[in-house]
Protein backbone atom coordinates (compact mmCIF):
# COMPACT_ATOMS: atom_id res chain seq x y z
CA MET A 1 29.69 -62.62 -30.96
CA SER A 2 28.28 -65.87 -29.81
CA PHE A 3 24.95 -64.27 -28.78
CA ARG A 4 22.38 -64.94 -31.62
CA PRO A 5 19.08 -62.93 -31.05
CA VAL A 6 15.63 -64.50 -32.02
CA VAL A 7 13.40 -62.65 -34.44
CA PRO A 8 11.27 -65.28 -36.31
CA VAL A 9 9.67 -63.09 -38.69
CA GLY A 10 9.95 -59.75 -40.44
CA GLY A 11 7.60 -56.70 -40.47
CA ILE A 12 5.12 -55.53 -37.72
CA VAL A 13 4.71 -59.21 -36.47
CA GLY A 14 8.37 -59.77 -36.08
CA TRP A 15 8.66 -56.16 -34.11
CA GLN A 16 5.81 -57.10 -31.82
CA PHE A 17 7.64 -60.35 -30.90
CA LEU A 18 10.74 -58.48 -30.27
CA GLN A 19 8.97 -55.83 -28.15
CA ARG A 20 7.90 -58.60 -25.96
CA THR A 21 11.16 -60.39 -25.49
CA GLN A 22 13.78 -57.89 -26.07
CA GLU A 23 14.45 -57.33 -22.25
CA HIS A 24 15.22 -60.87 -21.77
CA GLN A 25 17.25 -60.94 -25.05
CA ARG A 26 19.28 -58.12 -24.03
CA GLU A 27 20.22 -59.31 -20.64
CA ALA A 28 21.35 -62.67 -22.44
CA LEU A 29 23.74 -60.65 -24.49
CA SER A 30 24.96 -58.64 -21.40
CA ALA A 31 25.48 -61.58 -19.47
CA SER A 32 27.73 -63.28 -22.47
CA PRO A 33 31.52 -63.68 -21.52
CA LEU A 34 32.72 -61.29 -24.33
CA MET A 35 30.31 -58.52 -23.27
CA LYS A 36 31.15 -58.87 -19.56
CA ARG A 37 34.85 -58.90 -20.40
CA GLU A 38 34.67 -55.91 -22.54
CA ALA A 39 32.43 -53.88 -20.07
CA GLU A 40 34.86 -54.78 -16.97
CA HIS A 41 37.89 -53.74 -18.83
CA PHE A 42 36.34 -50.44 -20.02
CA LEU A 43 35.21 -49.58 -16.59
CA LYS A 44 38.41 -50.45 -15.00
CA GLU A 45 40.95 -48.63 -17.53
CA ILE A 46 38.78 -45.78 -18.87
CA GLY A 47 39.44 -43.78 -15.65
CA ASN A 48 43.18 -43.85 -16.22
CA VAL A 49 42.83 -42.39 -19.88
CA THR A 50 43.74 -38.70 -19.89
CA SER A 51 43.93 -38.10 -23.75
CA ALA A 52 42.40 -39.25 -27.02
CA GLU A 53 45.78 -40.81 -28.09
CA GLU A 54 45.47 -43.25 -24.96
CA LEU A 55 42.18 -43.94 -25.67
CA VAL A 56 42.52 -45.10 -29.48
CA ALA A 57 45.64 -46.84 -28.36
CA ASP A 58 43.50 -49.62 -26.38
CA ARG A 59 41.42 -51.37 -28.75
CA THR A 60 38.89 -52.84 -26.46
CA LEU A 61 38.30 -49.10 -25.03
CA LEU A 62 37.90 -47.87 -28.46
CA LYS A 63 35.57 -50.75 -29.45
CA VAL A 64 33.27 -49.81 -26.63
CA ALA A 65 33.63 -46.32 -27.04
CA LEU A 66 32.70 -46.30 -30.74
CA GLY A 67 30.32 -49.02 -30.33
CA ALA A 68 28.14 -46.94 -28.01
CA PHE A 69 27.37 -44.61 -30.66
CA GLY A 70 27.13 -47.09 -33.50
CA LEU A 71 30.43 -46.09 -35.01
CA GLU A 72 32.06 -49.53 -34.75
CA SER A 73 33.05 -49.42 -38.38
CA ASP A 74 35.70 -46.78 -37.74
CA LEU A 75 37.52 -49.25 -35.24
CA ASN A 76 40.67 -49.51 -37.58
CA ASN A 77 40.50 -45.55 -38.33
CA ARG A 78 42.48 -44.55 -35.48
CA PHE A 79 43.81 -41.25 -36.51
CA PHE A 80 40.53 -40.34 -37.90
CA VAL A 81 38.82 -40.94 -34.46
CA GLN A 82 41.77 -39.43 -32.37
CA LYS A 83 41.15 -36.13 -34.62
CA ILE A 84 37.34 -36.38 -33.78
CA LEU A 85 37.99 -36.64 -29.98
CA GLU A 86 40.83 -34.01 -30.00
CA ASP A 87 39.05 -31.36 -31.98
CA GLY A 88 35.99 -31.44 -29.63
CA THR A 89 32.89 -29.65 -30.65
CA SER A 90 33.26 -26.30 -29.34
CA ALA A 91 35.05 -24.59 -32.76
CA GLN A 92 32.66 -24.44 -35.55
CA ASP A 93 35.42 -26.02 -37.68
CA ALA A 94 35.96 -28.96 -35.66
CA LEU A 95 35.98 -32.15 -37.48
CA ALA A 96 32.82 -33.57 -35.69
CA ASN A 97 30.90 -30.35 -36.46
CA ARG A 98 31.92 -30.76 -40.50
CA LEU A 99 30.59 -34.30 -40.90
CA ALA A 100 27.13 -34.71 -41.98
CA ASP A 101 26.63 -37.88 -39.47
CA LYS A 102 26.02 -36.09 -36.10
CA ARG A 103 26.93 -39.20 -34.07
CA TYR A 104 30.34 -38.20 -34.40
CA ARG A 105 29.46 -34.96 -32.25
CA ALA A 106 27.73 -36.98 -29.72
CA PHE A 107 30.86 -39.36 -29.56
CA SER A 108 33.31 -36.41 -29.05
CA ASP A 109 31.14 -34.92 -26.37
CA ALA A 110 30.77 -38.07 -24.45
CA PHE A 111 34.63 -38.00 -23.44
CA GLY A 112 35.46 -34.30 -23.36
CA PHE A 113 39.08 -34.27 -24.95
CA GLY A 114 38.26 -31.00 -26.89
CA PRO A 115 39.47 -27.69 -26.18
CA GLY A 116 37.79 -26.24 -23.31
CA ALA A 117 35.83 -29.26 -22.82
CA ILE A 118 35.41 -31.16 -19.15
CA GLN A 119 37.26 -34.28 -19.61
CA LYS A 120 34.75 -36.98 -18.59
CA THR A 121 36.79 -40.42 -18.30
CA SER A 122 37.10 -40.27 -14.84
CA LEU A 123 33.12 -39.59 -14.09
CA VAL A 124 32.14 -43.14 -13.25
CA THR A 125 28.41 -42.33 -13.87
CA SER A 126 28.95 -41.07 -17.50
CA MET A 127 31.41 -44.18 -18.58
CA GLU A 128 28.75 -46.63 -16.97
CA ASP A 129 26.45 -44.60 -19.27
CA VAL A 130 28.92 -45.28 -22.33
CA VAL A 131 28.74 -49.18 -21.41
CA GLU A 132 25.11 -49.08 -21.18
CA LYS A 133 24.81 -47.63 -24.72
CA TYR A 134 27.55 -50.05 -26.05
CA GLN A 135 25.35 -53.01 -24.87
CA SER A 136 22.24 -51.57 -26.32
CA GLN A 137 24.01 -50.75 -29.76
CA ALA A 138 25.65 -54.43 -29.55
CA PHE A 139 21.97 -55.81 -29.22
CA GLU A 140 20.81 -53.61 -32.19
CA THR A 141 23.69 -54.71 -34.28
CA ALA A 142 23.02 -58.36 -33.47
CA ILE A 143 19.43 -58.02 -34.57
CA GLY A 144 20.55 -56.09 -37.59
CA GLU A 145 22.57 -59.17 -38.64
CA SER A 146 19.03 -60.87 -39.30
CA ASP A 147 16.88 -57.92 -40.08
CA GLU A 148 18.13 -54.40 -40.74
CA SER A 149 14.79 -52.53 -40.47
CA MET A 150 14.56 -54.22 -36.98
CA ARG A 151 17.85 -52.59 -36.03
CA ILE A 152 16.74 -49.28 -37.27
CA SER A 153 13.31 -49.45 -35.33
CA LEU A 154 15.29 -50.11 -32.15
CA TYR A 155 17.48 -47.30 -32.67
CA ALA A 156 14.52 -44.94 -33.31
CA GLN A 157 12.96 -45.85 -30.15
CA HIS A 158 15.63 -43.83 -28.31
CA GLU A 159 17.31 -41.29 -30.70
CA LEU A 160 14.14 -40.28 -32.48
CA VAL A 161 12.21 -39.92 -29.22
CA ASP A 162 15.32 -37.91 -27.97
CA ILE A 163 14.80 -35.60 -30.82
CA ALA A 164 11.15 -35.18 -30.68
CA THR A 165 11.31 -34.40 -26.91
CA GLY A 166 14.34 -32.13 -27.08
CA GLU A 167 14.62 -28.36 -27.71
CA GLY A 168 14.60 -26.65 -31.04
CA THR A 169 12.09 -25.80 -33.93
CA ASP A 170 10.39 -28.59 -36.09
CA THR A 171 13.05 -27.51 -39.01
CA THR A 172 16.02 -28.36 -36.55
CA LYS A 173 14.61 -31.52 -35.59
CA TRP A 174 14.29 -32.65 -39.12
CA LEU A 175 17.83 -31.61 -39.80
CA ASN A 176 18.93 -33.75 -36.64
CA ILE A 177 16.91 -36.64 -38.23
CA ILE A 178 18.65 -35.97 -41.82
CA GLY A 179 22.20 -36.02 -39.89
CA LEU A 180 21.62 -39.44 -38.49
CA PRO A 181 21.99 -42.13 -41.17
CA PRO A 182 19.49 -44.92 -39.52
CA LEU A 183 16.76 -42.29 -38.93
CA ARG A 184 17.28 -40.86 -42.52
CA THR A 185 16.77 -44.42 -43.95
CA MET A 186 13.72 -45.01 -41.81
CA PHE A 187 11.88 -41.77 -43.01
CA GLU A 188 13.16 -42.41 -46.73
CA THR A 189 11.68 -45.90 -46.45
CA ALA A 190 8.52 -45.01 -44.67
CA LEU A 191 7.83 -42.04 -46.86
CA GLY A 192 8.61 -43.75 -50.14
CA LEU A 193 11.42 -41.56 -50.92
CA PRO A 194 14.45 -42.74 -53.11
CA ARG A 195 18.02 -42.82 -51.95
CA SER A 196 18.77 -40.13 -54.46
CA PHE A 197 16.65 -37.75 -52.49
CA ALA A 198 19.86 -36.83 -50.34
CA SER A 199 21.29 -34.91 -53.35
CA VAL A 200 18.32 -32.35 -53.19
CA ASP A 201 18.86 -29.12 -51.63
CA LEU A 202 18.67 -29.44 -47.88
CA ASP A 203 15.85 -26.92 -47.36
CA LYS A 204 13.83 -28.71 -49.82
CA GLN A 205 14.55 -32.04 -48.19
CA VAL A 206 13.14 -30.78 -44.76
CA GLU A 207 9.94 -29.57 -46.70
CA VAL A 208 9.44 -32.50 -48.42
CA PHE A 209 9.82 -34.91 -45.16
CA ARG A 210 7.68 -32.66 -43.23
CA ASP A 211 4.86 -32.70 -45.79
CA ARG A 212 4.94 -36.42 -46.34
CA PHE A 213 5.18 -37.13 -42.72
CA SER A 214 2.11 -35.19 -42.11
CA SER A 215 0.16 -36.71 -44.89
CA ALA A 216 1.22 -40.44 -43.78
CA THR A 217 0.68 -40.12 -40.04
CA GLY A 218 -1.52 -37.21 -39.57
CA LEU A 219 0.72 -35.80 -37.12
CA SER A 220 1.60 -32.29 -37.34
CA ASP A 221 5.06 -32.11 -36.34
CA LEU A 222 7.91 -34.16 -34.84
CA SER A 223 7.19 -33.28 -31.16
CA ALA A 224 4.05 -35.48 -31.69
CA LEU A 225 6.36 -38.53 -31.53
CA SER A 226 6.91 -38.20 -27.70
CA ASP A 227 3.36 -39.85 -27.57
CA PRO A 228 4.06 -43.52 -27.50
CA ASN A 229 1.06 -44.16 -29.90
CA ALA A 230 2.47 -41.79 -32.37
CA MET A 231 5.92 -43.34 -32.07
CA GLU A 232 4.38 -46.86 -32.63
CA LYS A 233 2.22 -45.77 -35.81
CA THR A 234 5.35 -44.27 -37.49
CA THR A 235 7.64 -47.41 -36.53
CA HIS A 236 4.87 -49.61 -37.85
CA LEU A 237 4.72 -47.49 -41.07
CA TYR A 238 8.22 -47.92 -41.65
CA LEU A 239 8.35 -51.63 -41.04
CA ALA A 240 5.65 -52.38 -43.40
CA ARG A 241 7.05 -50.21 -46.12
CA ALA A 242 10.33 -51.87 -45.50
CA GLN A 243 9.02 -55.27 -45.66
CA ILE A 244 6.94 -54.50 -49.06
CA ALA A 245 10.33 -53.13 -50.17
CA SER A 246 12.11 -56.53 -49.48
CA PHE A 247 9.51 -58.57 -50.86
CA ALA A 248 9.50 -56.49 -54.22
CA SER A 249 13.29 -56.99 -54.34
CA GLN A 250 13.24 -60.61 -53.84
CA GLN A 251 10.45 -60.84 -56.45
CA SER A 252 12.45 -58.99 -59.11
CA SER A 253 15.47 -60.99 -58.14
CA ALA A 254 13.66 -64.35 -58.68
CA ALA A 255 12.26 -62.94 -61.97
CA ILE A 256 15.76 -62.10 -63.19
CA ALA A 257 17.00 -65.50 -62.16
CA LEU A 258 14.29 -67.19 -63.86
CA SER A 259 14.65 -65.22 -67.10
CA LEU A 260 18.44 -66.08 -67.09
CA LEU A 261 17.86 -69.96 -66.71
CA GLN A 262 15.16 -69.61 -69.53
CA SER A 263 17.63 -67.85 -71.84
């Protein structure tokens, strides 16, 4: 991808710059020759696709379809992706339902190849939405190449807000966050939890996440993130903690290098 986003600094200052310029930068990405070709090909061909096998057989279609849900790393896992699509999500034992990462469920639902599902590849508005998501995710991926915390923050602006404003109990919403790797990383970092925390009993994880979130932000539950000010506060907390962790890591690496040079 020839597009290179501009993020001059990290942390909250870099985020504020990105917020001011992202609309212009997104437009530049969408107008790039590669993105235009991919979008045009997808919208031209997807309406002719009637099976999961046909979708995975076209690499450009598959790239856009997976990329729309942040699953581009599975581009070469054609048989796995085909199984996700063919199983659908209606059955409890469907592959997408058995995976911890809930992005696979959304991906499968978007095309409707599963048993009893309504096939959506011929629905123009639905497929245009997939392209829009792909371009949004592509921008986030490009941002992540220079600063992963910025990518996660961008992702949170739509996915976390959707969870916060959606139906379900606060516990259900925390389980949704735990099932989305970028959001899990965001909250683990913001709340000072180690990666090993993922091995703790799921009910205990929800309890700790909820308690620490309330203590750190003063917010009683996740639905409060429907307020833009609360969302900004949470994002800033994450970015500040991520920058501190990055600085500490760099300092540690420098100290190790110095020790090796002196030995």
